[in-house]
PDB file of N, CA and C in Angstrom:
ATOM      1  N   MET A   1      65.372  80.173  38.610  1.00  0.00           N
ATOM      2  CA  MET A   1      66.014  78.752  38.434  1.00  0.00           C
ATOM      3  C   MET A   1      67.127  78.620  39.409  1.00  0.00           C
ATOM      4  N   LYS A   2      67.308  77.395  39.762  1.00  0.00           N
ATOM      5  CA  LYS A   2      68.207  77.014  40.813  1.00  0.00           C
ATOM      6  C   LYS A   2      69.783  77.166  40.329  1.00  0.00           C
ATOM      7  N   LYS A   3      70.498  77.755  41.318  1.00  0.00           N
ATOM      8  CA  LYS A   3      71.848  77.723  40.746  1.00  0.00           C
ATOM      9  C   LYS A   3      72.838  76.587  41.228  1.00  0.00           C
ATOM     10  N   TRP A   4      73.475  76.133  40.386  1.00  0.00           N
ATOM     11  CA  TRP A   4      74.264  74.872  40.568  1.00  0.00           C
ATOM     12  C   TRP A   4      75.918  75.397  40.573  1.00  0.00           C
ATOM     13  N   TYR A   5      76.522  75.068  41.583  1.00  0.00           N
ATOM     14  CA  TYR A   5      77.736  75.534  41.886  1.00  0.00           C
ATOM     15  C   TYR A   5      78.913  74.451  41.519  1.00  0.00           C
ATOM     16  N   SER A   6      78.428  73.339  41.614  1.00  0.00           N
ATOM     17  CA  SER A   6      79.352  71.986  41.497  1.00  0.00           C
ATOM     18  C   SER A   6      78.429  70.609  41.081  1.00  0.00           C
ATOM     19  N   PHE A   7      78.849  70.106  40.250  1.00  0.00           N
ATOM     20  CA  PHE A   7      78.169  68.886  39.569  1.00  0.00           C
ATOM     21  C   PHE A   7      78.782  67.739  40.168  1.00  0.00           C
ATOM     22  N   ILE A   8      80.195  67.810  40.581  1.00  0.00           N
ATOM     23  CA  ILE A   8      80.990  66.546  40.661  1.00  0.00           C
ATOM     24  C   ILE A   8      80.344  65.689  41.673  1.00  0.00           C
ATOM     25  N   ASP A   9      79.894  66.200  43.007  1.00  0.00           N
ATOM     26  CA  ASP A   9      79.376  65.234  44.108  1.00  0.00           C
ATOM     27  C   ASP A   9      78.199  64.677  43.733  1.00  0.00           C
ATOM     28  N   LYS A  10      77.471  65.272  42.707  1.00  0.00           N
ATOM     29  CA  LYS A  10      76.285  64.596  42.231  1.00  0.00           C
ATOM     30  C   LYS A  10      76.580  63.363  41.218  1.00  0.00           C
ATOM     31  N   ILE A  11      77.588  63.758  40.286  1.00  0.00           N
ATOM     32  CA  ILE A  11      78.237  62.690  39.451  1.00  0.00           C
ATOM     33  C   ILE A  11      78.816  61.394  39.987  1.00  0.00           C
ATOM     34  N   TYR A  12      79.569  61.483  41.132  1.00  0.00           N
ATOM     35  CA  TYR A  12      80.288  60.464  41.752  1.00  0.00           C
ATOM     36  C   TYR A  12      79.437  59.690  42.704  1.00  0.00           C
ATOM     37  N   ARG A  13      78.100  60.036  42.965  1.00  0.00           N
ATOM     38  CA  ARG A  13      77.308  59.207  44.029  1.00  0.00           C
ATOM     39  C   ARG A  13      77.278  57.815  43.438  1.00  0.00           C
ATOM     40  N   LYS A  14      77.100  57.041  44.460  1.00  0.00           N
ATOM     41  CA  LYS A  14      77.139  55.529  43.786  1.00  0.00           C
ATOM     42  C   LYS A  14      76.048  55.238  43.099  1.00  0.00           C
ATOM     43  N   GLU A  15      74.833  55.708  43.523  1.00  0.00           N
ATOM     44  CA  GLU A  15      73.438  55.640  43.199  1.00  0.00           C
ATOM     45  C   GLU A  15      73.599  55.939  41.525  1.00  0.00           C
ATOM     46  N   ASN A  16      74.111  57.074  41.484  1.00  0.00           N
ATOM     47  CA  ASN A  16      74.134  57.507  39.943  1.00  0.00           C
ATOM     48  C   ASN A  16      74.876  56.828  38.883  1.00  0.00           C
ATOM     49  N   LEU A  17      76.086  56.447  39.596  1.00  0.00           N
ATOM     50  CA  LEU A  17      76.882  55.507  38.664  1.00  0.00           C
ATOM     51  C   LEU A  17      76.251  54.032  38.403  1.00  0.00           C
ATOM     52  N   GLU A  18      75.694  53.656  39.593  1.00  0.00           N
ATOM     53  CA  GLU A  18      74.723  52.414  39.252  1.00  0.00           C
ATOM     54  C   GLU A  18      73.904  52.508  38.148  1.00  0.00           C
ATOM     55  N   LEU A  19      73.131  53.836  38.189  1.00  0.00           N
ATOM     56  CA  LEU A  19      72.008  53.941  37.233  1.00  0.00           C
ATOM     57  C   LEU A  19      72.553  54.272  35.718  1.00  0.00           C
ATOM     58  N   ALA A  20      73.945  54.742  35.793  1.00  0.00           N
ATOM     59  CA  ALA A  20      74.696  55.197  34.516  1.00  0.00           C
ATOM     60  C   ALA A  20      74.867  53.724  34.000  1.00  0.00           C
ATOM     61  N   PHE A  21      75.440  52.635  34.930  1.00  0.00           N
ATOM     62  CA  PHE A  21      75.807  51.514  34.144  1.00  0.00           C
ATOM     63  C   PHE A  21      74.513  50.883  33.668  1.00  0.00           C
ATOM     64  N   LYS A  22      73.287  50.803  34.253  1.00  0.00           N
ATOM     65  CA  LYS A  22      72.062  50.298  33.770  1.00  0.00           C
ATOM     66  C   LYS A  22      71.892  50.734  32.395  1.00  0.00           C
ATOM     67  N   ARG A  23      72.135  51.915  32.196  1.00  0.00           N
ATOM     68  CA  ARG A  23      71.784  52.567  30.785  1.00  0.00           C
ATOM     69  C   ARG A  23      72.915  52.053  30.007  1.00  0.00           C
ATOM     70  N   VAL A  24      74.026  51.951  30.235  1.00  0.00           N
ATOM     71  CA  VAL A  24      75.089  51.597  29.413  1.00  0.00           C
ATOM     72  C   VAL A  24      75.067  49.913  29.079  1.00  0.00           C
ATOM     73  N   LYS A  25      74.509  49.350  30.247  1.00  0.00           N
ATOM     74  CA  LYS A  25      74.286  47.808  30.136  1.00  0.00           C
ATOM     75  C   LYS A  25      73.183  47.708  28.918  1.00  0.00           C
ATOM     76  N   ARG A  26      72.070  48.453  28.837  1.00  0.00           N
ATOM     77  CA  ARG A  26      71.059  48.277  28.058  1.00  0.00           C
ATOM     78  C   ARG A  26      71.504  48.546  26.521  1.00  0.00           C
ATOM     79  N   ASN A  27      72.552  49.292  26.339  1.00  0.00           N
ATOM     80  CA  ASN A  27      73.194  49.621  24.926  1.00  0.00           C
ATOM     81  C   ASN A  27      74.056  48.676  24.634  1.00  0.00           C
ATOM     82  N   ASN A  28      74.535  47.888  25.715  1.00  0.00           N
ATOM     83  CA  ASN A  28      75.717  46.915  25.405  1.00  0.00           C
ATOM     84  C   ASN A  28      76.812  47.410  24.730  1.00  0.00           C
ATOM     85  N   GLY A  29      77.073  47.435  23.474  1.00  0.00           N
ATOM     86  CA  GLY A  29      78.306  47.954  22.956  1.00  0.00           C
ATOM     87  C   GLY A  29      79.592  47.059  22.927  1.00  0.00           C
ATOM     88  N   ALA A  30      80.418  47.406  22.120  1.00  0.00           N
ATOM     89  CA  ALA A  30      81.804  46.721  21.952  1.00  0.00           C
ATOM     90  C   ALA A  30      82.681  47.002  23.066  1.00  0.00           C
ATOM     91  N   PRO A  31      83.553  46.197  23.365  1.00  0.00           N
ATOM     92  CA  PRO A  31      84.450  46.573  24.194  1.00  0.00           C
ATOM     93  C   PRO A  31      85.501  47.732  23.899  1.00  0.00           C
ATOM     94  N   GLY A  32      86.158  48.537  24.833  1.00  0.00           N
ATOM     95  CA  GLY A  32      86.987  49.702  24.384  1.00  0.00           C
ATOM     96  C   GLY A  32      88.494  49.008  24.314  1.00  0.00           C
ATOM     97  N   ILE A  33      89.423  49.726  24.420  1.00  0.00           N
ATOM     98  CA  ILE A  33      90.653  49.517  24.239  1.00  0.00           C
ATOM     99  C   ILE A  33      91.244  48.516  25.370  1.00  0.00           C
ATOM    100  N   ASP A  34      90.733  48.362  26.313  1.00  0.00           N
ATOM    101  CA  ASP A  34      91.062  47.365  27.386  1.00  0.00           C
ATOM    102  C   ASP A  34      90.396  46.099  27.251  1.00  0.00           C
ATOM    103  N   GLY A  35      89.571  46.108  26.378  1.00  0.00           N
ATOM    104  CA  GLY A  35      88.961  44.731  26.047  1.00  0.00           C
ATOM    105  C   GLY A  35      87.856  44.129  26.828  1.00  0.00           C
ATOM    106  N   GLU A  36      87.587  45.030  27.880  1.00  0.00           N
ATOM    107  CA  GLU A  36      86.547  44.780  28.918  1.00  0.00           C
ATOM    108  C   GLU A  36      85.013  44.876  28.419  1.00  0.00           C
ATOM    109  N   THR A  37      84.412  43.905  28.592  1.00  0.00           N
ATOM    110  CA  THR A  37      82.980  43.684  28.010  1.00  0.00           C
ATOM    111  C   THR A  37      82.102  44.214  29.098  1.00  0.00           C
ATOM    112  N   VAL A  38      80.800  44.595  28.556  1.00  0.00           N
ATOM    113  CA  VAL A  38      79.679  45.177  29.765  1.00  0.00           C
ATOM    114  C   VAL A  38      79.420  43.762  30.595  1.00  0.00           C
ATOM    115  N   SER A  39      79.509  42.796  30.196  1.00  0.00           N
ATOM    116  CA  SER A  39      79.229  41.668  31.012  1.00  0.00           C
ATOM    117  C   SER A  39      80.304  41.564  32.038  1.00  0.00           C
ATOM    118  N   ASN A  40      81.475  41.698  31.621  1.00  0.00           N
ATOM    119  CA  ASN A  40      82.735  41.414  32.879  1.00  0.00           C
ATOM    120  C   ASN A  40      82.609  42.626  33.675  1.00  0.00           C
ATOM    121  N   PHE A  41      82.244  43.742  33.250  1.00  0.00           N
ATOM    122  CA  PHE A  41      82.143  45.095  33.905  1.00  0.00           C
ATOM    123  C   PHE A  41      81.055  44.632  35.143  1.00  0.00           C
ATOM    124  N   ALA A  42      79.865  44.068  34.652  1.00  0.00           N
ATOM    125  CA  ALA A  42      78.746  43.722  35.593  1.00  0.00           C
ATOM    126  C   ALA A  42      79.358  42.680  36.537  1.00  0.00           C
ATOM    127  N   TYR A  43      79.972  41.885  36.146  1.00  0.00           N
ATOM    128  CA  TYR A  43      80.373  40.729  37.067  1.00  0.00           C
ATOM    129  C   TYR A  43      81.145  41.261  38.281  1.00  0.00           C
ATOM    130  N   LYS A  44      81.763  42.248  38.149  1.00  0.00           N
ATOM    131  CA  LYS A  44      82.709  43.021  39.231  1.00  0.00           C
ATOM    132  C   LYS A  44      82.099  44.413  39.420  1.00  0.00           C
ATOM    133  N   LEU A  45      80.741  44.582  39.194  1.00  0.00           N
ATOM    134  CA  LEU A  45      80.129  45.755  39.381  1.00  0.00           C
ATOM    135  C   LEU A  45      80.454  46.528  40.715  1.00  0.00           C
ATOM    136  N   GLU A  46      80.279  45.876  41.890  1.00  0.00           N
ATOM    137  CA  GLU A  46      80.291  46.557  43.229  1.00  0.00           C
ATOM    138  C   GLU A  46      81.794  47.138  43.102  1.00  0.00           C
ATOM    139  N   MET A  47      82.958  46.559  42.742  1.00  0.00           N
ATOM    140  CA  MET A  47      84.397  46.827  42.893  1.00  0.00           C
ATOM    141  C   MET A  47      84.467  47.902  41.899  1.00  0.00           C
ATOM    142  N   ASN A  48      83.855  47.759  40.551  1.00  0.00           N
ATOM    143  CA  ASN A  48      83.950  48.947  39.373  1.00  0.00           C
ATOM    144  C   ASN A  48      83.320  50.268  39.769  1.00  0.00           C
ATOM    145  N   ILE A  49      81.956  50.111  40.506  1.00  0.00           N
ATOM    146  CA  ILE A  49      81.431  51.414  41.041  1.00  0.00           C
ATOM    147  C   ILE A  49      82.446  52.066  42.082  1.00  0.00           C
ATOM    148  N   GLU A  50      82.710  51.231  43.128  1.00  0.00           N
ATOM    149  CA  GLU A  50      83.688  51.738  44.152  1.00  0.00           C
ATOM    150  C   GLU A  50      84.881  52.461  43.445  1.00  0.00           C
ATOM    151  N   PHE A  51      85.588  51.770  42.420  1.00  0.00           N
ATOM    152  CA  PHE A  51      86.698  52.446  41.959  1.00  0.00           C
ATOM    153  C   PHE A  51      86.381  53.884  40.972  1.00  0.00           C
ATOM    154  N   LEU A  52      85.379  53.919  40.511  1.00  0.00           N
ATOM    155  CA  LEU A  52      84.916  55.075  39.659  1.00  0.00           C
ATOM    156  C   LEU A  52      84.584  56.082  40.899  1.00  0.00           C
ATOM    157  N   HIS A  53      83.871  55.660  41.945  1.00  0.00           N
ATOM    158  CA  HIS A  53      83.295  56.781  42.901  1.00  0.00           C
ATOM    159  C   HIS A  53      84.515  57.233  43.443  1.00  0.00           C
ATOM    160  N   GLU A  54      85.682  56.506  43.898  1.00  0.00           N
ATOM    161  CA  GLU A  54      86.742  57.097  44.583  1.00  0.00           C
ATOM    162  C   GLU A  54      87.689  57.887  43.632  1.00  0.00           C
ATOM    163  N   ARG A  55      87.765  57.575  42.464  1.00  0.00           N
ATOM    164  CA  ARG A  55      88.714  58.123  41.537  1.00  0.00           C
ATOM    165  C   ARG A  55      87.971  59.536  41.239  1.00  0.00           C
ATOM    166  N   LEU A  56      86.665  59.503  40.849  1.00  0.00           N
ATOM    167  CA  LEU A  56      86.059  60.857  40.618  1.00  0.00           C
ATOM    168  C   LEU A  56      85.941  61.612  41.938  1.00  0.00           C
ATOM    169  N   LYS A  57      85.874  61.137  42.988  1.00  0.00           N
ATOM    170  CA  LYS A  57      85.557  61.964  44.132  1.00  0.00           C
ATOM    171  C   LYS A  57      87.182  62.754  44.669  1.00  0.00           C
ATOM    172  N   THR A  58      88.174  61.959  44.216  1.00  0.00           N
ATOM    173  CA  THR A  58      89.366  62.352  44.474  1.00  0.00           C
ATOM    174  C   THR A  58      89.990  63.158  43.415  1.00  0.00           C
ATOM    175  N   ASN A  59      89.339  63.339  42.191  1.00  0.00           N
ATOM    176  CA  ASN A  59      89.883  64.000  41.187  1.00  0.00           C
ATOM    177  C   ASN A  59      91.164  63.239  40.480  1.00  0.00           C
ATOM    178  N   THR A  60      90.888  62.027  40.620  1.00  0.00           N
ATOM    179  CA  THR A  60      92.311  61.093  40.007  1.00  0.00           C
ATOM    180  C   THR A  60      91.843  60.224  38.822  1.00  0.00           C
ATOM    181  N   TYR A  61      90.522  60.447  38.506  1.00  0.00           N
ATOM    182  CA  TYR A  61      89.918  59.539  37.333  1.00  0.00           C
ATOM    183  C   TYR A  61      90.595  60.114  36.067  1.00  0.00           C
ATOM    184  N   LYS A  62      91.239  59.291  35.234  1.00  0.00           N
ATOM    185  CA  LYS A  62      91.742  59.495  34.091  1.00  0.00           C
ATOM    186  C   LYS A  62      91.129  58.666  32.967  1.00  0.00           C
ATOM    187  N   PRO A  63      90.341  59.158  31.971  1.00  0.00           N
ATOM    188  CA  PRO A  63      89.650  58.353  30.877  1.00  0.00           C
ATOM    189  C   PRO A  63      90.802  57.426  30.050  1.00  0.00           C
ATOM    190  N   SER A  64      90.488  56.499  29.528  1.00  0.00           N
ATOM    191  CA  SER A  64      91.347  55.768  28.557  1.00  0.00           C
ATOM    192  C   SER A  64      91.229  56.166  27.241  1.00  0.00           C
ATOM    193  N   PRO A  65      92.265  56.122  26.366  1.00  0.00           N
ATOM    194  CA  PRO A  65      92.168  56.395  24.909  1.00  0.00           C
ATOM    195  C   PRO A  65      90.929  55.500  24.330  1.00  0.00           C
ATOM    196  N   VAL A  66      90.450  55.955  23.260  1.00  0.00           N
ATOM    197  CA  VAL A  66      89.402  55.375  22.585  1.00  0.00           C
ATOM    198  C   VAL A  66      89.968  54.199  21.608  1.00  0.00           C
ATOM    199  N   ARG A  67      89.218  53.182  21.475  1.00  0.00           N
ATOM    200  CA  ARG A  67      89.637  52.214  20.459  1.00  0.00           C
ATOM    201  C   ARG A  67      88.982  52.650  19.015  1.00  0.00           C
ATOM    202  N   ARG A  68      89.897  52.713  18.206  1.00  0.00           N
ATOM    203  CA  ARG A  68      89.598  53.160  16.890  1.00  0.00           C
ATOM    204  C   ARG A  68      89.337  51.953  15.799  1.00  0.00           C
ATOM    205  N   THR A  69      88.121  52.164  15.303  1.00  0.00           N
ATOM    206  CA  THR A  69      87.643  51.058  14.265  1.00  0.00           C
ATOM    207  C   THR A  69      87.147  51.747  13.114  1.00  0.00           C
ATOM    208  N   GLU A  70      86.979  50.929  12.198  1.00  0.00           N
ATOM    209  CA  GLU A  70      86.202  51.348  10.893  1.00  0.00           C
ATOM    210  C   GLU A  70      85.005  50.388  10.592  1.00  0.00           C
ATOM    211  N   ILE A  71      84.023  51.243  10.127  1.00  0.00           N
ATOM    212  CA  ILE A  71      82.910  50.287   9.540  1.00  0.00           C
ATOM    213  C   ILE A  71      82.504  50.774   8.088  1.00  0.00           C
ATOM    214  N   GLU A  72      82.151  49.867   7.297  1.00  0.00           N
ATOM    215  CA  GLU A  72      81.737  50.179   5.931  1.00  0.00           C
ATOM    216  C   GLU A  72      80.523  50.924   5.928  1.00  0.00           C
ATOM    217  N   LYS A  73      80.256  51.979   5.058  1.00  0.00           N
ATOM    218  CA  LYS A  73      78.992  52.700   5.030  1.00  0.00           C
ATOM    219  C   LYS A  73      78.408  52.062   3.815  1.00  0.00           C
ATOM    220  N   PRO A  74      77.035  52.184   3.694  1.00  0.00           N
ATOM    221  CA  PRO A  74      76.151  51.372   2.580  1.00  0.00           C
ATOM    222  C   PRO A  74      76.851  51.936   1.183  1.00  0.00           C
ATOM    223  N   ASP A  75      77.383  53.063   1.264  1.00  0.00           N
ATOM    224  CA  ASP A  75      77.683  53.652  -0.031  1.00  0.00           C
ATOM    225  C   ASP A  75      79.203  53.206  -0.344  1.00  0.00           C
ATOM    226  N   GLY A  76      79.777  52.543   0.232  1.00  0.00           N
ATOM    227  CA  GLY A  76      81.242  52.082  -0.024  1.00  0.00           C
ATOM    228  C   GLY A  76      82.267  52.784   0.818  1.00  0.00           C
ATOM    229  N   GLY A  77      81.759  53.996   1.467  1.00  0.00           N
ATOM    230  CA  GLY A  77      82.602  54.591   2.256  1.00  0.00           C
ATOM    231  C   GLY A  77      82.981  53.992   3.535  1.00  0.00           C
ATOM    232  N   ILE A  78      83.981  54.595   4.220  1.00  0.00           N
ATOM    233  CA  ILE A  78      84.405  54.375   5.664  1.00  0.00           C
ATOM    234  C   ILE A  78      83.974  55.232   6.628  1.00  0.00           C
ATOM    235  N   ARG A  79      83.339  54.750   7.664  1.00  0.00           N
ATOM    236  CA  ARG A  79      82.810  55.523   8.815  1.00  0.00           C
ATOM    237  C   ARG A  79      83.981  55.101   9.961  1.00  0.00           C
ATOM    238  N   LEU A  80      84.670  56.166  10.574  1.00  0.00           N
ATOM    239  CA  LEU A  80      85.626  55.869  11.661  1.00  0.00           C
ATOM    240  C   LEU A  80      84.826  55.990  13.047  1.00  0.00           C
ATOM    241  N   LEU A  81      85.014  55.063  13.947  1.00  0.00           N
ATOM    242  CA  LEU A  81      84.311  54.988  15.187  1.00  0.00           C
ATOM    243  C   LEU A  81      85.515  55.009  16.238  1.00  0.00           C
ATOM    244  N   GLY A  82      85.166  55.704  17.323  1.00  0.00           N
ATOM    245  CA  GLY A  82      85.770  55.778  18.463  1.00  0.00           C
ATOM    246  C   GLY A  82      85.312  55.159  19.643  1.00  0.00           C
ATOM    247  N   ILE A  83      85.768  53.927  20.069  1.00  0.00           N
ATOM    248  CA  ILE A  83      84.858  53.227  21.169  1.00  0.00           C
ATOM    249  C   ILE A  83      85.465  53.299  22.411  1.00  0.00           C
ATOM    250  N   PRO A  84      84.845  53.929  23.413  1.00  0.00           N
ATOM    251  CA  PRO A  84      85.499  54.195  24.900  1.00  0.00           C
ATOM    252  C   PRO A  84      85.374  52.928  25.495  1.00  0.00           C
ATOM    253  N   THR A  85      85.968  52.828  26.636  1.00  0.00           N
ATOM    254  CA  THR A  85      86.134  51.519  27.575  1.00  0.00           C
ATOM    255  C   THR A  85      84.515  51.854  28.296  1.00  0.00           C
ATOM    256  N   VAL A  86      84.169  50.483  28.892  1.00  0.00           N
ATOM    257  CA  VAL A  86      82.739  50.507  29.622  1.00  0.00           C
ATOM    258  C   VAL A  86      83.096  51.567  30.784  1.00  0.00           C
ATOM    259  N   LYS A  87      84.124  51.577  31.453  1.00  0.00           N
ATOM    260  CA  LYS A  87      84.319  52.372  32.734  1.00  0.00           C
ATOM    261  C   LYS A  87      83.929  53.920  32.112  1.00  0.00           C
ATOM    262  N   ASP A  88      84.602  54.425  31.140  1.00  0.00           N
ATOM    263  CA  ASP A  88      84.397  55.809  30.410  1.00  0.00           C
ATOM    264  C   ASP A  88      82.937  56.008  30.055  1.00  0.00           C
ATOM    265  N   ARG A  89      82.260  55.083  29.629  1.00  0.00           N
ATOM    266  CA  ARG A  89      81.001  55.108  29.235  1.00  0.00           C
ATOM    267  C   ARG A  89      80.008  55.263  30.302  1.00  0.00           C
ATOM    268  N   VAL A  90      80.513  54.492  31.403  1.00  0.00           N
ATOM    269  CA  VAL A  90      79.614  54.860  32.662  1.00  0.00           C
ATOM    270  C   VAL A  90      79.786  55.988  33.165  1.00  0.00           C
ATOM    271  N   VAL A  91      81.100  56.651  33.251  1.00  0.00           N
ATOM    272  CA  VAL A  91      81.136  58.061  33.688  1.00  0.00           C
ATOM    273  C   VAL A  91      80.534  59.074  32.772  1.00  0.00           C
ATOM    274  N   GLN A  92      80.688  58.818  31.610  1.00  0.00           N
ATOM    275  CA  GLN A  92      79.898  59.854  30.588  1.00  0.00           C
ATOM    276  C   GLN A  92      78.565  59.786  30.962  1.00  0.00           C
ATOM    277  N   GLN A  93      78.068  58.586  31.069  1.00  0.00           N
ATOM    278  CA  GLN A  93      76.492  58.615  31.072  1.00  0.00           C
ATOM    279  C   GLN A  93      75.999  59.179  32.593  1.00  0.00           C
ATOM    280  N   ALA A  94      77.078  58.906  33.558  1.00  0.00           N
ATOM    281  CA  ALA A  94      76.815  59.383  34.899  1.00  0.00           C
ATOM    282  C   ALA A  94      76.604  61.073  34.688  1.00  0.00           C
ATOM    283  N   ILE A  95      77.481  61.832  33.945  1.00  0.00           N
ATOM    284  CA  ILE A  95      77.508  63.150  33.873  1.00  0.00           C
ATOM    285  C   ILE A  95      76.333  63.587  33.157  1.00  0.00           C
ATOM    286  N   VAL A  96      75.823  62.684  32.091  1.00  0.00           N
ATOM    287  CA  VAL A  96      74.528  63.051  31.345  1.00  0.00           C
ATOM    288  C   VAL A  96      73.396  63.002  32.449  1.00  0.00           C
ATOM    289  N   ASN A  97      73.577  61.965  33.125  1.00  0.00           N
ATOM    290  CA  ASN A  97      72.298  61.913  34.235  1.00  0.00           C
ATOM    291  C   ASN A  97      72.039  63.254  35.023  1.00  0.00           C
ATOM    292  N   VAL A  98      73.149  63.936  35.243  1.00  0.00           N
ATOM    293  CA  VAL A  98      73.233  65.083  36.195  1.00  0.00           C
ATOM    294  C   VAL A  98      72.985  66.285  35.469  1.00  0.00           C
ATOM    295  N   ILE A  99      73.601  66.563  34.156  1.00  0.00           N
ATOM    296  CA  ILE A  99      73.239  67.672  33.527  1.00  0.00           C
ATOM    297  C   ILE A  99      72.152  67.829  32.486  1.00  0.00           C
ATOM    298  N   GLU A 100      71.572  66.554  32.026  1.00  0.00           N
ATOM    299  CA  GLU A 100      70.724  66.749  30.997  1.00  0.00           C
ATOM    300  C   GLU A 100      69.445  67.323  31.606  1.00  0.00           C
ATOM    301  N   PRO A 101      68.964  66.798  32.866  1.00  0.00           N
ATOM    302  CA  PRO A 101      67.649  67.573  33.383  1.00  0.00           C
ATOM    303  C   PRO A 101      67.727  69.060  33.687  1.00  0.00           C
ATOM    304  N   ILE A 102      68.802  69.424  33.812  1.00  0.00           N
ATOM    305  CA  ILE A 102      69.300  70.939  33.996  1.00  0.00           C
ATOM    306  C   ILE A 102      69.228  71.778  32.721  1.00  0.00           C
ATOM    307  N   PHE A 103      70.119  71.196  31.811  1.00  0.00           N
ATOM    308  CA  PHE A 103      70.072  71.879  30.624  1.00  0.00           C
ATOM    309  C   PHE A 103      69.077  72.003  29.691  1.00  0.00           C
ATOM    310  N   ASP A 104      68.238  70.739  29.524  1.00  0.00           N
ATOM    311  CA  ASP A 104      67.246  70.199  28.792  1.00  0.00           C
ATOM    312  C   ASP A 104      66.327  71.251  28.827  1.00  0.00           C
ATOM    313  N   LYS A 105      65.908  72.081  29.967  1.00  0.00           N
ATOM    314  CA  LYS A 105      64.873  73.103  29.953  1.00  0.00           C
ATOM    315  C   LYS A 105      65.313  74.253  29.121  1.00  0.00           C
ATOM    316  N   THR A 106      66.599  74.366  28.842  1.00  0.00           N
ATOM    317  CA  THR A 106      67.083  75.574  28.292  1.00  0.00           C
ATOM    318  C   THR A 106      66.995  75.492  26.616  1.00  0.00           C
ATOM    319  N   PHE A 107      66.871  74.397  26.313  1.00  0.00           N
ATOM    320  CA  PHE A 107      66.845  74.202  24.838  1.00  0.00           C
ATOM    321  C   PHE A 107      65.674  74.596  24.340  1.00  0.00           C
ATOM    322  N   HIS A 108      65.825  74.980  22.886  1.00  0.00           N
ATOM    323  CA  HIS A 108      64.575  75.664  22.276  1.00  0.00           C
ATOM    324  C   HIS A 108      63.485  74.572  22.089  1.00  0.00           C
ATOM    325  N   PRO A 109      62.239  74.834  21.975  1.00  0.00           N
ATOM    326  CA  PRO A 109      61.154  73.783  21.919  1.00  0.00           C
ATOM    327  C   PRO A 109      61.165  72.997  20.694  1.00  0.00           C
ATOM    328  N   SER A 110      61.739  73.634  19.663  1.00  0.00           N
ATOM    329  CA  SER A 110      61.840  73.047  18.299  1.00  0.00           C
ATOM    330  C   SER A 110      63.149  72.104  18.106  1.00  0.00           C
ATOM    331  N   SER A 111      63.843  71.936  19.166  1.00  0.00           N
ATOM    332  CA  SER A 111      65.088  71.392  19.268  1.00  0.00           C
ATOM    333  C   SER A 111      64.832  69.842  19.512  1.00  0.00           C
ATOM    334  N   TYR A 112      65.152  68.995  18.575  1.00  0.00           N
ATOM    335  CA  TYR A 112      64.575  67.554  18.657  1.00  0.00           C
ATOM    336  C   TYR A 112      65.790  66.447  18.783  1.00  0.00           C
ATOM    337  N   GLY A 113      67.100  66.781  18.190  1.00  0.00           N
ATOM    338  CA  GLY A 113      67.816  65.531  18.043  1.00  0.00           C
ATOM    339  C   GLY A 113      68.674  65.446  19.536  1.00  0.00           C
ATOM    340  N   TYR A 114      68.648  63.889  19.519  1.00  0.00           N
ATOM    341  CA  TYR A 114      69.530  63.572  20.654  1.00  0.00           C
ATOM    342  C   TYR A 114      68.772  63.863  22.041  1.00  0.00           C
ATOM    343  N   ARG A 115      67.416  64.154  22.151  1.00  0.00           N
ATOM    344  CA  ARG A 115      67.100  64.676  23.407  1.00  0.00           C
ATOM    345  C   ARG A 115      66.128  63.496  23.747  1.00  0.00           C
ATOM    346  N   PRO A 116      66.044  63.044  25.030  1.00  0.00           N
ATOM    347  CA  PRO A 116      65.095  62.139  25.565  1.00  0.00           C
ATOM    348  C   PRO A 116      63.775  62.566  25.473  1.00  0.00           C
ATOM    349  N   ASN A 117      62.954  61.542  24.990  1.00  0.00           N
ATOM    350  CA  ASN A 117      61.393  62.067  24.827  1.00  0.00           C
ATOM    351  C   ASN A 117      61.060  62.951  23.793  1.00  0.00           C
ATOM    352  N   HIS A 118      61.755  63.046  22.851  1.00  0.00           N
ATOM    353  CA  HIS A 118      61.792  63.943  21.734  1.00  0.00           C
ATOM    354  C   HIS A 118      62.056  63.090  20.506  1.00  0.00           C
ATOM    355  N   SER A 119      61.241  63.115  19.563  1.00  0.00           N
ATOM    356  CA  SER A 119      61.668  62.136  18.394  1.00  0.00           C
ATOM    357  C   SER A 119      62.386  63.172  17.303  1.00  0.00           C
ATOM    358  N   GLN A 120      63.078  62.683  16.711  1.00  0.00           N
ATOM    359  CA  GLN A 120      63.712  63.452  15.647  1.00  0.00           C
ATOM    360  C   GLN A 120      62.819  64.252  14.865  1.00  0.00           C
ATOM    361  N   GLN A 121      61.570  64.067  14.523  1.00  0.00           N
ATOM    362  CA  GLN A 121      60.611  64.691  13.907  1.00  0.00           C
ATOM    363  C   GLN A 121      59.638  65.230  14.677  1.00  0.00           C
ATOM    364  N   PRO A 122      59.176  66.628  14.579  1.00  0.00           N
ATOM    365  CA  PRO A 122      58.137  67.057  15.452  1.00  0.00           C
ATOM    366  C   PRO A 122      56.788  66.213  15.016  1.00  0.00           C
ATOM    367  N   GLU A 123      55.900  66.126  15.478  1.00  0.00           N
ATOM    368  CA  GLU A 123      54.533  65.685  15.117  1.00  0.00           C
ATOM    369  C   GLU A 123      53.818  66.625  14.490  1.00  0.00           C
ATOM    370  N   VAL A 124      53.301  66.209  13.130  1.00  0.00           N
ATOM    371  CA  VAL A 124      52.483  67.118  12.289  1.00  0.00           C
ATOM    372  C   VAL A 124      51.022  66.648  12.402  1.00  0.00           C
ATOM    373  N   TYR A 125      50.075  67.483  12.824  1.00  0.00           N
ATOM    374  CA  TYR A 125      48.799  67.101  12.772  1.00  0.00           C
ATOM    375  C   TYR A 125      47.967  67.595  11.539  1.00  0.00           C
TER     376      TYR A 125
END
């Protein structure tokens, strides 16, 4: 197995940040605490990618607080959500893009939850 010593240079690559944004855009989602929408982020995409690239490269990136919101559950209860900013979602996805292919290989074959190309239920024949 190949040894990895640092992921950060792979995370802050502009191509990776752009791919991360495409995945965030597909999901759309609500704005975070800063009020910025996915559409607004896309409008200034080049500037935003450059900002994230430089901040991650120089170790000066600071995530924002999450926006707290409540949604009603079907049973009448309340579910608390924390909604990150679009910038933070892009950074989180950029990290996933780099580490997921590496660590996915180490998961148990019967582990299905939250994994790409694995349904929550194994196929039964």
